[in-house]
Amino acid sequence: LKPEDTAVYYCAATNRIGLSDYSRTERA
C-alpha cells in the first residue's frame, strides 16, 4: 500500500454474471 491508496473502498454488485469493459464503470 501507498499513501495514494488512501480512500474509502466500496464493494458493489451487478445484475450480470459476467464481465465486460462496462464493468469498469459505476453504471454497471
PDB file of all heavy atoms in Angstrom:
ATOM      1  N   LEU A   1       0.819  -1.208   0.000  1.00  0.00           N
ATOM      2  CA  LEU A   1       0.000   0.000   0.000  1.00  0.00           C
ATOM      3  C   LEU A   1       0.854   1.259   0.000  1.00  0.00           C
ATOM      4  O   LEU A   1       1.938   1.305   0.602  1.00  0.00           O
ATOM      5  CB  LEU A   1      -0.937   0.001   1.204  1.00  0.00           C
ATOM      6  CG  LEU A   1      -2.154  -0.927   1.064  1.00  0.00           C
ATOM      7  CD1 LEU A   1      -2.809  -1.188   2.396  1.00  0.00           C
ATOM      8  CD2 LEU A   1      -3.161  -0.320   0.093  1.00  0.00           C
ATOM      9  N   LYS A   2       0.330   2.268  -0.669  1.00  0.00           N
ATOM     10  CA  LYS A   2       0.984   3.561  -0.786  1.00  0.00           C
ATOM     11  C   LYS A   2       0.058   4.636  -0.225  1.00  0.00           C
ATOM     12  O   LYS A   2      -1.170   4.437  -0.191  1.00  0.00           O
ATOM     13  CB  LYS A   2       1.277   3.869  -2.258  1.00  0.00           C
ATOM     14  CG  LYS A   2       2.039   2.780  -2.991  1.00  0.00           C
ATOM     15  CD  LYS A   2       2.098   3.085  -4.484  1.00  0.00           C
ATOM     16  CE  LYS A   2       2.775   1.967  -5.256  1.00  0.00           C
ATOM     17  NZ  LYS A   2       2.819   2.243  -6.710  1.00  0.00           N
ATOM     18  N   PRO A   3       0.594   5.765   0.184  1.00  0.00           N
ATOM     19  CA  PRO A   3      -0.293   6.830   0.687  1.00  0.00           C
ATOM     20  C   PRO A   3      -1.386   7.222  -0.310  1.00  0.00           C
ATOM     21  O   PRO A   3      -2.506   7.550   0.103  1.00  0.00           O
ATOM     22  CB  PRO A   3       0.686   7.988   0.925  1.00  0.00           C
ATOM     23  CG  PRO A   3       1.969   7.309   1.258  1.00  0.00           C
ATOM     24  CD  PRO A   3       2.003   6.095   0.367  1.00  0.00           C
ATOM     25  N   GLU A   4      -1.101   7.132  -1.597  1.00  0.00           N
ATOM     26  CA  GLU A   4      -2.108   7.491  -2.596  1.00  0.00           C
ATOM     27  C   GLU A   4      -3.230   6.460  -2.709  1.00  0.00           C
ATOM     28  O   GLU A   4      -4.204   6.678  -3.424  1.00  0.00           O
ATOM     29  CB  GLU A   4      -1.469   7.711  -3.972  1.00  0.00           C
ATOM     30  CG  GLU A   4      -0.582   6.586  -4.456  1.00  0.00           C
ATOM     31  CD  GLU A   4       0.893   6.829  -4.148  1.00  0.00           C
ATOM     32  OE1 GLU A   4       1.196   7.324  -3.036  1.00  0.00           O
ATOM     33  OE2 GLU A   4       1.726   6.506  -5.014  1.00  0.00           O
ATOM     34  N   ASP A   5      -3.110   5.334  -2.016  1.00  0.00           N
ATOM     35  CA  ASP A   5      -4.197   4.359  -1.959  1.00  0.00           C
ATOM     36  C   ASP A   5      -5.226   4.718  -0.887  1.00  0.00           C
ATOM     37  O   ASP A   5      -6.254   4.037  -0.762  1.00  0.00           O
ATOM     38  CB  ASP A   5      -3.654   2.951  -1.672  1.00  0.00           C
ATOM     39  CG  ASP A   5      -2.809   2.410  -2.803  1.00  0.00           C
ATOM     40  OD1 ASP A   5      -3.201   2.570  -3.976  1.00  0.00           O
ATOM     41  OD2 ASP A   5      -1.754   1.806  -2.508  1.00  0.00           O
ATOM     42  N   THR A   6      -4.954   5.742  -0.115  1.00  0.00           N
ATOM     43  CA  THR A   6      -5.893   6.181   0.914  1.00  0.00           C
ATOM     44  C   THR A   6      -7.215   6.586   0.280  1.00  0.00           C
ATOM     45  O   THR A   6      -7.249   7.432  -0.610  1.00  0.00           O
ATOM     46  CB  THR A   6      -5.310   7.362   1.708  1.00  0.00           C
ATOM     47  OG1 THR A   6      -4.164   6.902   2.433  1.00  0.00           O
ATOM     48  CG2 THR A   6      -6.338   7.927   2.679  1.00  0.00           C
ATOM     49  N   ALA A   7      -8.300   5.954   0.739  1.00  0.00           N
ATOM     50  CA  ALA A   7      -9.616   6.186   0.150  1.00  0.00           C
ATOM     51  C   ALA A   7     -10.651   5.372   0.920  1.00  0.00           C
ATOM     52  O   ALA A   7     -10.304   4.502   1.722  1.00  0.00           O
ATOM     53  CB  ALA A   7      -9.626   5.768  -1.321  1.00  0.00           C
ATOM     54  N   VAL A   8     -11.902   5.643   0.627  1.00  0.00           N
ATOM     55  CA  VAL A   8     -12.980   4.754   1.052  1.00  0.00           C
ATOM     56  C   VAL A   8     -13.165   3.728  -0.061  1.00  0.00           C
ATOM     57  O   VAL A   8     -13.323   4.096  -1.222  1.00  0.00           O
ATOM     58  CB  VAL A   8     -14.286   5.520   1.302  1.00  0.00           C
ATOM     59  CG1 VAL A   8     -15.400   4.544   1.689  1.00  0.00           C
ATOM     60  CG2 VAL A   8     -14.103   6.567   2.385  1.00  0.00           C
ATOM     61  N   TYR A   9     -13.131   2.478   0.311  1.00  0.00           N
ATOM     62  CA  TYR A   9     -13.256   1.388  -0.658  1.00  0.00           C
ATOM     63  C   TYR A   9     -14.675   0.835  -0.585  1.00  0.00           C
ATOM     64  O   TYR A   9     -15.159   0.471   0.499  1.00  0.00           O
ATOM     65  CB  TYR A   9     -12.238   0.296  -0.368  1.00  0.00           C
ATOM     66  CG  TYR A   9     -10.843   0.683  -0.805  1.00  0.00           C
ATOM     67  CD1 TYR A   9     -10.138   1.686  -0.151  1.00  0.00           C
ATOM     68  CD2 TYR A   9     -10.243   0.081  -1.907  1.00  0.00           C
ATOM     69  CE1 TYR A   9      -8.874   2.068  -0.575  1.00  0.00           C
ATOM     70  CE2 TYR A   9      -8.978   0.444  -2.339  1.00  0.00           C
ATOM     71  CZ  TYR A   9      -8.301   1.444  -1.663  1.00  0.00           C
ATOM     72  OH  TYR A   9      -7.050   1.825  -2.090  1.00  0.00           O
ATOM     73  N   TYR A  10     -15.314   0.748  -1.756  1.00  0.00           N
ATOM     74  CA  TYR A  10     -16.699   0.307  -1.853  1.00  0.00           C
ATOM     75  C   TYR A  10     -16.800  -1.011  -2.621  1.00  0.00           C
ATOM     76  O   TYR A  10     -16.172  -1.177  -3.678  1.00  0.00           O
ATOM     77  CB  TYR A  10     -17.543   1.340  -2.597  1.00  0.00           C
ATOM     78  CG  TYR A  10     -17.674   2.667  -1.904  1.00  0.00           C
ATOM     79  CD1 TYR A  10     -16.778   3.701  -2.175  1.00  0.00           C
ATOM     80  CD2 TYR A  10     -18.691   2.888  -0.983  1.00  0.00           C
ATOM     81  CE1 TYR A  10     -16.900   4.928  -1.551  1.00  0.00           C
ATOM     82  CE2 TYR A  10     -18.821   4.122  -0.350  1.00  0.00           C
ATOM     83  CZ  TYR A  10     -17.922   5.127  -0.635  1.00  0.00           C
ATOM     84  OH  TYR A  10     -18.046   6.340  -0.012  1.00  0.00           O
ATOM     85  N   CYS A  11     -17.625  -1.884  -2.097  1.00  0.00           N
ATOM     86  CA  CYS A  11     -17.976  -3.111  -2.796  1.00  0.00           C
ATOM     87  C   CYS A  11     -19.299  -2.874  -3.521  1.00  0.00           C
ATOM     88  O   CYS A  11     -20.160  -2.132  -3.017  1.00  0.00           O
ATOM     89  CB  CYS A  11     -18.112  -4.234  -1.768  1.00  0.00           C
ATOM     90  SG  CYS A  11     -18.471  -5.848  -2.442  1.00  0.00           S
ATOM     91  N   ALA A  12     -19.459  -3.486  -4.678  1.00  0.00           N
ATOM     92  CA  ALA A  12     -20.669  -3.280  -5.449  1.00  0.00           C
ATOM     93  C   ALA A  12     -21.050  -4.551  -6.197  1.00  0.00           C
ATOM     94  O   ALA A  12     -20.187  -5.382  -6.507  1.00  0.00           O
ATOM     95  CB  ALA A  12     -20.475  -2.130  -6.439  1.00  0.00           C
ATOM     96  N   ALA A  13     -22.328  -4.672  -6.486  1.00  0.00           N
ATOM     97  CA  ALA A  13     -22.835  -5.854  -7.176  1.00  0.00           C
ATOM     98  C   ALA A  13     -23.592  -5.458  -8.428  1.00  0.00           C
ATOM     99  O   ALA A  13     -24.267  -4.425  -8.461  1.00  0.00           O
ATOM    100  CB  ALA A  13     -23.760  -6.640  -6.247  1.00  0.00           C
ATOM    101  N   THR A  14     -23.501  -6.306  -9.442  1.00  0.00           N
ATOM    102  CA  THR A  14     -24.230  -6.069 -10.681  1.00  0.00           C
ATOM    103  C   THR A  14     -25.430  -7.000 -10.775  1.00  0.00           C
ATOM    104  O   THR A  14     -25.615  -7.874  -9.931  1.00  0.00           O
ATOM    105  CB  THR A  14     -23.336  -6.331 -11.904  1.00  0.00           C
ATOM    106  OG1 THR A  14     -23.173  -7.759 -12.041  1.00  0.00           O
ATOM    107  CG2 THR A  14     -21.970  -5.692 -11.756  1.00  0.00           C
ATOM    108  N   ASN A  15     -26.210  -6.850 -11.805  1.00  0.00           N
ATOM    109  CA  ASN A  15     -27.276  -7.792 -12.134  1.00  0.00           C
ATOM    110  C   ASN A  15     -26.836  -8.721 -13.255  1.00  0.00           C
ATOM    111  O   ASN A  15     -27.667  -9.333 -13.924  1.00  0.00           O
ATOM    112  CB  ASN A  15     -28.539  -7.034 -12.560  1.00  0.00           C
ATOM    113  CG  ASN A  15     -29.291  -6.473 -11.364  1.00  0.00           C
ATOM    114  OD1 ASN A  15     -29.319  -7.082 -10.303  1.00  0.00           O
ATOM    115  ND2 ASN A  15     -29.885  -5.304 -11.542  1.00  0.00           N
ATOM    116  N   ARG A  16     -25.544  -8.839 -13.448  1.00  0.00           N
ATOM    117  CA  ARG A  16     -24.972  -9.670 -14.506  1.00  0.00           C
ATOM    118  C   ARG A  16     -24.070 -10.738 -13.907  1.00  0.00           C
ATOM    119  O   ARG A  16     -23.589 -10.585 -12.790  1.00  0.00           O
ATOM    120  CB  ARG A  16     -24.169  -8.798 -15.478  1.00  0.00           C
ATOM    121  CG  ARG A  16     -24.988  -7.692 -16.120  1.00  0.00           C
ATOM    122  CD  ARG A  16     -24.098  -6.676 -16.818  1.00  0.00           C
ATOM    123  NE  ARG A  16     -24.869  -5.598 -17.418  1.00  0.00           N
ATOM    124  CZ  ARG A  16     -25.326  -4.552 -16.727  1.00  0.00           C
ATOM    125  NH1 ARG A  16     -25.081  -4.451 -15.438  1.00  0.00           N
ATOM    126  NH2 ARG A  16     -26.023  -3.624 -17.344  1.00  0.00           N
ATOM    127  N   ILE A  17     -23.807 -11.773 -14.662  1.00  0.00           N
ATOM    128  CA  ILE A  17     -22.915 -12.812 -14.166  1.00  0.00           C
ATOM    129  C   ILE A  17     -21.497 -12.625 -14.682  1.00  0.00           C
ATOM    130  O   ILE A  17     -20.536 -13.077 -14.060  1.00  0.00           O
ATOM    131  CB  ILE A  17     -23.409 -14.221 -14.563  1.00  0.00           C
ATOM    132  CG1 ILE A  17     -23.491 -14.366 -16.089  1.00  0.00           C
ATOM    133  CG2 ILE A  17     -24.761 -14.517 -13.931  1.00  0.00           C
ATOM    134  CD1 ILE A  17     -23.802 -15.792 -16.533  1.00  0.00           C
ATOM    135  N   GLY A  18     -21.349 -11.977 -15.829  1.00  0.00           N
ATOM    136  CA  GLY A  18     -20.043 -11.859 -16.445  1.00  0.00           C
ATOM    137  C   GLY A  18     -19.522 -10.442 -16.446  1.00  0.00           C
ATOM    138  O   GLY A  18     -20.180  -9.507 -15.964  1.00  0.00           O
ATOM    139  N   LEU A  19     -18.318 -10.299 -16.972  1.00  0.00           N
ATOM    140  CA  LEU A  19     -17.646  -9.012 -17.049  1.00  0.00           C
ATOM    141  C   LEU A  19     -17.532  -8.544 -18.487  1.00  0.00           C
ATOM    142  O   LEU A  19     -17.475  -9.345 -19.420  1.00  0.00           O
ATOM    143  CB  LEU A  19     -16.242  -9.115 -16.452  1.00  0.00           C
ATOM    144  CG  LEU A  19     -16.126  -9.523 -14.990  1.00  0.00           C
ATOM    145  CD1 LEU A  19     -14.660  -9.575 -14.583  1.00  0.00           C
ATOM    146  CD2 LEU A  19     -16.900  -8.574 -14.091  1.00  0.00           C
ATOM    147  N   SER A  20     -17.469  -7.242 -18.639  1.00  0.00           N
ATOM    148  CA  SER A  20     -17.166  -6.619 -19.918  1.00  0.00           C
ATOM    149  C   SER A  20     -16.470  -5.309 -19.594  1.00  0.00           C
ATOM    150  O   SER A  20     -16.312  -4.954 -18.422  1.00  0.00           O
ATOM    151  CB  SER A  20     -18.444  -6.370 -20.719  1.00  0.00           C
ATOM    152  OG  SER A  20     -19.235  -5.387 -20.064  1.00  0.00           O
ATOM    153  N   ASP A  21     -16.092  -4.580 -20.624  1.00  0.00           N
ATOM    154  CA  ASP A  21     -15.467  -3.280 -20.366  1.00  0.00           C
ATOM    155  C   ASP A  21     -16.400  -2.378 -19.555  1.00  0.00           C
ATOM    156  O   ASP A  21     -15.959  -1.512 -18.806  1.00  0.00           O
ATOM    157  CB  ASP A  21     -15.089  -2.612 -21.682  1.00  0.00           C
ATOM    158  CG  ASP A  21     -13.876  -3.262 -22.324  1.00  0.00           C
ATOM    159  OD1 ASP A  21     -13.144  -3.990 -21.616  1.00  0.00           O
ATOM    160  OD2 ASP A  21     -13.659  -3.058 -23.527  1.00  0.00           O
ATOM    161  N   TYR A  22     -17.688  -2.588 -19.722  1.00  0.00           N
ATOM    162  CA  TYR A  22     -18.685  -1.808 -18.981  1.00  0.00           C
ATOM    163  C   TYR A  22     -18.530  -2.009 -17.474  1.00  0.00           C
ATOM    164  O   TYR A  22     -18.875  -1.137 -16.681  1.00  0.00           O
ATOM    165  CB  TYR A  22     -20.069  -2.220 -19.446  1.00  0.00           C
ATOM    166  CG  TYR A  22     -21.217  -1.392 -18.914  1.00  0.00           C
ATOM    167  CD1 TYR A  22     -21.263  -0.022 -19.094  1.00  0.00           C
ATOM    168  CD2 TYR A  22     -22.281  -2.006 -18.249  1.00  0.00           C
ATOM    169  CE1 TYR A  22     -22.324   0.730 -18.617  1.00  0.00           C
ATOM    170  CE2 TYR A  22     -23.345  -1.263 -17.775  1.00  0.00           C
ATOM    171  CZ  TYR A  22     -23.369   0.100 -17.968  1.00  0.00           C
ATOM    172  OH  TYR A  22     -24.418   0.836 -17.498  1.00  0.00           O
ATOM    173  N   SER A  23     -17.978  -3.160 -17.077  1.00  0.00           N
ATOM    174  CA  SER A  23     -17.809  -3.489 -15.660  1.00  0.00           C
ATOM    175  C   SER A  23     -16.809  -2.575 -14.973  1.00  0.00           C
ATOM    176  O   SER A  23     -16.699  -2.593 -13.746  1.00  0.00           O
ATOM    177  CB  SER A  23     -17.333  -4.938 -15.512  1.00  0.00           C
ATOM    178  OG  SER A  23     -18.221  -5.832 -16.140  1.00  0.00           O
ATOM    179  N   ARG A  24     -16.077  -1.804 -15.734  1.00  0.00           N
ATOM    180  CA  ARG A  24     -15.126  -0.852 -15.166  1.00  0.00           C
ATOM    181  C   ARG A  24     -15.794   0.482 -14.826  1.00  0.00           C
ATOM    182  O   ARG A  24     -15.133   1.397 -14.315  1.00  0.00           O
ATOM    183  CB  ARG A  24     -13.984  -0.598 -16.150  1.00  0.00           C
ATOM    184  CG  ARG A  24     -13.162  -1.848 -16.465  1.00  0.00           C
ATOM    185  CD  ARG A  24     -12.092  -1.551 -17.500  1.00  0.00           C
ATOM    186  NE  ARG A  24     -11.335  -2.734 -17.847  1.00  0.00           N
ATOM    187  CZ  ARG A  24     -10.258  -3.156 -17.204  1.00  0.00           C
ATOM    188  NH1 ARG A  24      -9.795  -2.459 -16.175  1.00  0.00           N
ATOM    189  NH2 ARG A  24      -9.625  -4.261 -17.581  1.00  0.00           N
ATOM    190  N   THR A  25     -17.080   0.589 -15.076  1.00  0.00           N
ATOM    191  CA  THR A  25     -17.788   1.833 -14.816  1.00  0.00           C
ATOM    192  C   THR A  25     -18.790   1.674 -13.692  1.00  0.00           C
ATOM    193  O   THR A  25     -19.343   0.599 -13.471  1.00  0.00           O
ATOM    194  CB  THR A  25     -18.530   2.317 -16.071  1.00  0.00           C
ATOM    195  OG1 THR A  25     -19.658   1.454 -16.301  1.00  0.00           O
ATOM    196  CG2 THR A  25     -17.627   2.283 -17.297  1.00  0.00           C
ATOM    197  N   GLU A  26     -19.051   2.774 -12.981  1.00  0.00           N
ATOM    198  CA  GLU A  26     -20.021   2.737 -11.886  1.00  0.00           C
ATOM    199  C   GLU A  26     -21.408   2.347 -12.378  1.00  0.00           C
ATOM    200  O   GLU A  26     -22.168   1.701 -11.651  1.00  0.00           O
ATOM    201  CB  GLU A  26     -20.091   4.110 -11.222  1.00  0.00           C
ATOM    202  CG  GLU A  26     -18.850   4.499 -10.448  1.00  0.00           C
ATOM    203  CD  GLU A  26     -19.049   5.828  -9.747  1.00  0.00           C
ATOM    204  OE1 GLU A  26     -19.934   5.900  -8.869  1.00  0.00           O
ATOM    205  OE2 GLU A  26     -18.341   6.780 -10.074  1.00  0.00           O
ATOM    206  N   ARG A  27     -21.753   2.731 -13.587  1.00  0.00           N
ATOM    207  CA  ARG A  27     -23.103   2.495 -14.098  1.00  0.00           C
ATOM    208  C   ARG A  27     -23.424   1.008 -14.207  1.00  0.00           C
ATOM    209  O   ARG A  27     -24.592   0.629 -14.280  1.00  0.00           O
ATOM    210  CB  ARG A  27     -23.267   3.158 -15.457  1.00  0.00           C
ATOM    211  CG  ARG A  27     -23.174   4.674 -15.432  1.00  0.00           C
ATOM    212  CD  ARG A  27     -23.469   5.263 -16.808  1.00  0.00           C
ATOM    213  NE  ARG A  27     -22.562   4.752 -17.825  1.00  0.00           N
ATOM    214  CZ  ARG A  27     -21.367   5.237 -18.057  1.00  0.00           C
ATOM    215  NH1 ARG A  27     -20.900   6.241 -17.349  1.00  0.00           N
ATOM    216  NH2 ARG A  27     -20.609   4.719 -19.018  1.00  0.00           N
ATOM    217  N   ALA A  28     -22.404   0.157 -14.248  1.00  0.00           N
ATOM    218  CA  ALA A  28     -22.645  -1.291 -14.371  1.00  0.00           C
ATOM    219  C   ALA A  28     -23.152  -1.906 -13.079  1.00  0.00           C
ATOM    220  O   ALA A  28     -23.617  -3.042 -13.077  1.00  0.00           O
ATOM    221  CB  ALA A  28     -21.358  -1.988 -14.797  1.00  0.00           C
TER     222      ALA A  28
END
